[in-house]
Amino acid sequence: MSGILEAAMAIANQAAKHSDCELFNIAEAFDMLCDTVEVFEGYHLHSATTRCHFVEAVNVALSSMPGNRISMRCAELAGGDYAIEWLPYAGMPTAKTGSL
């Protein structure tokens, strides 16, 4: 269970960094992401197909959170490696970029 909690908290914290702090509720985000990650029973990053489904599920959860301005992408690399990328919504300022 701790892997699920850790994954949910890491995603919630990353989203919070780029969110509208007046609208984004990290406690609610954490609860929703725990439910999302739990569906994968700890195997959310074990295969390319599962990673793809996991990222899609996380993005659906993130898109339903008021104030969220970020999405997640999994890039498959050579040799079975992968990288997680955090992509700010196009045209929306984030805490780091400010107004464009």
C-alpha atoms as a PDB file:
ATOM      1  CA  MET A   1       0.000   0.000   0.000  1.00  0.00           C
ATOM      2  CA  SER A   2       2.854   2.451   0.680  1.00  0.00           C
ATOM      3  CA  GLY A   3       3.848   2.415  -3.017  1.00  0.00           C
ATOM      4  CA  ILE A   4       0.330   3.534  -3.892  1.00  0.00           C
ATOM      5  CA  LEU A   5       0.427   6.326  -1.326  1.00  0.00           C
ATOM      6  CA  GLU A   6       3.888   7.427  -2.449  1.00  0.00           C
ATOM      7  CA  ALA A   7       2.866   7.500  -6.119  1.00  0.00           C
ATOM      8  CA  ALA A   8      -0.326   9.428  -5.370  1.00  0.00           C
ATOM      9  CA  MET A   9       1.521  11.961  -3.212  1.00  0.00           C
ATOM     10  CA  ALA A  10       4.288  12.449  -5.796  1.00  0.00           C
ATOM     11  CA  ILE A  11       1.712  13.135  -8.519  1.00  0.00           C
ATOM     12  CA  ALA A  12      -0.363  15.430  -6.284  1.00  0.00           C
ATOM     13  CA  ASN A  13       2.734  17.394  -5.267  1.00  0.00           C
ATOM     14  CA  GLN A  14       3.857  17.776  -8.877  1.00  0.00           C
ATOM     15  CA  ALA A  15       0.397  18.958  -9.923  1.00  0.00           C
ATOM     16  CA  ALA A  16       0.282  21.397  -6.998  1.00  0.00           C
ATOM     17  CA  LYS A  17       3.530  23.029  -8.154  1.00  0.00           C
ATOM     18  CA  HIS A  18       1.897  24.047 -11.428  1.00  0.00           C
ATOM     19  CA  SER A  19      -1.701  24.573 -10.344  1.00  0.00           C
ATOM     20  CA  ASP A  20      -3.813  27.593  -9.588  1.00  0.00           C
ATOM     21  CA  CYS A  21      -3.212  27.642  -5.837  1.00  0.00           C
ATOM     22  CA  GLU A  22      -6.581  29.297  -5.161  1.00  0.00           C
ATOM     23  CA  LEU A  23      -8.507  26.441  -6.777  1.00  0.00           C
ATOM     24  CA  PHE A  24      -6.329  23.351  -6.422  1.00  0.00           C
ATOM     25  CA  ASN A  25      -6.933  21.334  -3.247  1.00  0.00           C
ATOM     26  CA  ILE A  26      -3.992  19.004  -2.623  1.00  0.00           C
ATOM     27  CA  ALA A  27      -5.872  16.887  -0.061  1.00  0.00           C
ATOM     28  CA  GLU A  28      -8.704  16.207  -2.520  1.00  0.00           C
ATOM     29  CA  ALA A  29      -6.163  15.584  -5.299  1.00  0.00           C
ATOM     30  CA  PHE A  30      -4.325  13.085  -3.110  1.00  0.00           C
ATOM     31  CA  ASP A  31      -7.546  11.198  -2.316  1.00  0.00           C
ATOM     32  CA  MET A  32      -8.567  11.041  -5.975  1.00  0.00           C
ATOM     33  CA  LEU A  33      -5.101   9.981  -7.085  1.00  0.00           C
ATOM     34  CA  CYS A  34      -4.932   7.272  -4.394  1.00  0.00           C
ATOM     35  CA  ASP A  35      -8.127   5.820  -5.841  1.00  0.00           C
ATOM     36  CA  THR A  36      -6.679   6.051  -9.355  1.00  0.00           C
ATOM     37  CA  VAL A  37      -3.316   4.468  -8.496  1.00  0.00           C
ATOM     38  CA  GLU A  38      -4.927   1.776  -6.327  1.00  0.00           C
ATOM     39  CA  VAL A  39      -6.744   0.360  -9.369  1.00  0.00           C
ATOM     40  CA  PHE A  40      -3.343  -0.753 -10.711  1.00  0.00           C
ATOM     41  CA  GLU A  41      -2.558  -2.675  -7.486  1.00  0.00           C
ATOM     42  CA  GLY A  42       1.055  -1.504  -7.360  1.00  0.00           C
ATOM     43  CA  TYR A  43       1.872  -2.630 -10.901  1.00  0.00           C
ATOM     44  CA  HIS A  44       1.335   0.773 -12.495  1.00  0.00           C
ATOM     45  CA  LEU A  45       4.840   1.036 -14.018  1.00  0.00           C
ATOM     46  CA  HIS A  46       5.696  -2.630 -14.679  1.00  0.00           C
ATOM     47  CA  SER A  47       5.045  -2.808 -18.436  1.00  0.00           C
ATOM     48  CA  ALA A  48       4.708  -0.380 -21.332  1.00  0.00           C
ATOM     49  CA  THR A  49       1.010  -1.169 -21.765  1.00  0.00           C
ATOM     50  CA  THR A  50       0.259  -0.779 -18.072  1.00  0.00           C
ATOM     51  CA  ARG A  51       2.238   2.483 -17.926  1.00  0.00           C
ATOM     52  CA  CYS A  52       0.185   3.803 -20.842  1.00  0.00           C
ATOM     53  CA  HIS A  53      -3.109   2.918 -19.132  1.00  0.00           C
ATOM     54  CA  PHE A  54      -1.833   4.339 -15.843  1.00  0.00           C
ATOM     55  CA  VAL A  55      -0.861   7.680 -17.400  1.00  0.00           C
ATOM     56  CA  GLU A  56      -4.242   7.894 -19.159  1.00  0.00           C
ATOM     57  CA  ALA A  57      -6.042   7.243 -15.866  1.00  0.00           C
ATOM     58  CA  VAL A  58      -3.931   9.835 -14.031  1.00  0.00           C
ATOM     59  CA  ASN A  59      -4.617  12.410 -16.743  1.00  0.00           C
ATOM     60  CA  VAL A  60      -8.363  11.806 -16.503  1.00  0.00           C
ATOM     61  CA  ALA A  61      -8.142  12.315 -12.739  1.00  0.00           C
ATOM     62  CA  LEU A  62      -5.966  15.424 -13.104  1.00  0.00           C
ATOM     63  CA  SER A  63      -8.263  16.945 -15.712  1.00  0.00           C
ATOM     64  CA  SER A  64     -11.199  16.755 -13.312  1.00  0.00           C
ATOM     65  CA  MET A  65      -9.388  18.687 -10.556  1.00  0.00           C
ATOM     66  CA  PRO A  66     -10.195  22.401 -10.308  1.00  0.00           C
ATOM     67  CA  GLY A  67      -7.070  24.500 -10.744  1.00  0.00           C
ATOM     68  CA  ASN A  68      -4.937  21.760 -12.285  1.00  0.00           C
ATOM     69  CA  ARG A  69      -2.739  22.961 -15.149  1.00  0.00           C
ATOM     70  CA  ILE A  70      -0.540  19.972 -15.877  1.00  0.00           C
ATOM     71  CA  SER A  71      -0.691  16.570 -17.509  1.00  0.00           C
ATOM     72  CA  MET A  72       1.566  13.538 -17.344  1.00  0.00           C
ATOM     73  CA  ARG A  73       3.257  11.750 -20.243  1.00  0.00           C
ATOM     74  CA  CYS A  74       5.276   8.554 -20.280  1.00  0.00           C
ATOM     75  CA  ALA A  75       7.988   8.370 -22.925  1.00  0.00           C
ATOM     76  CA  GLU A  76       9.275   4.913 -23.743  1.00  0.00           C
ATOM     77  CA  LEU A  77      13.060   4.854 -24.170  1.00  0.00           C
ATOM     78  CA  ALA A  78      15.457   2.251 -25.541  1.00  0.00           C
ATOM     79  CA  GLY A  79      16.011  -0.976 -23.638  1.00  0.00           C
ATOM     80  CA  GLY A  80      12.679  -0.932 -21.830  1.00  0.00           C
ATOM     81  CA  ASP A  81      13.471   2.267 -19.936  1.00  0.00           C
ATOM     82  CA  TYR A  82      10.952   5.080 -19.671  1.00  0.00           C
ATOM     83  CA  ALA A  83      10.727   8.682 -18.546  1.00  0.00           C
ATOM     84  CA  ILE A  84       7.836  10.532 -16.966  1.00  0.00           C
ATOM     85  CA  GLU A  85       7.280  14.035 -18.297  1.00  0.00           C
ATOM     86  CA  TRP A  86       5.099  16.740 -16.809  1.00  0.00           C
ATOM     87  CA  LEU A  87       3.491  18.952 -19.437  1.00  0.00           C
ATOM     88  CA  PRO A  88       1.809  22.244 -18.560  1.00  0.00           C
ATOM     89  CA  TYR A  89      -1.465  22.927 -20.336  1.00  0.00           C
ATOM     90  CA  ALA A  90      -0.815  24.957 -23.486  1.00  0.00           C
ATOM     91  CA  GLY A  91      -1.527  28.647 -23.187  1.00  0.00           C
ATOM     92  CA  MET A  92      -2.082  28.568 -19.443  1.00  0.00           C
ATOM     93  CA  PRO A  93       0.393  30.195 -17.072  1.00  0.00           C
ATOM     94  CA  THR A  94       1.811  28.025 -14.300  1.00  0.00           C
ATOM     95  CA  ALA A  95       3.320  29.010 -10.990  1.00  0.00           C
ATOM     96  CA  LYS A  96       6.760  28.804 -12.588  1.00  0.00           C
ATOM     97  CA  THR A  97       6.044  30.564 -15.895  1.00  0.00           C
ATOM     98  CA  GLY A  98       3.614  33.253 -14.760  1.00  0.00           C
ATOM     99  CA  SER A  99       1.634  35.066 -17.426  1.00  0.00           C
ATOM    100  CA  LEU A 100       2.845  34.515 -20.975  1.00  0.00           C
END
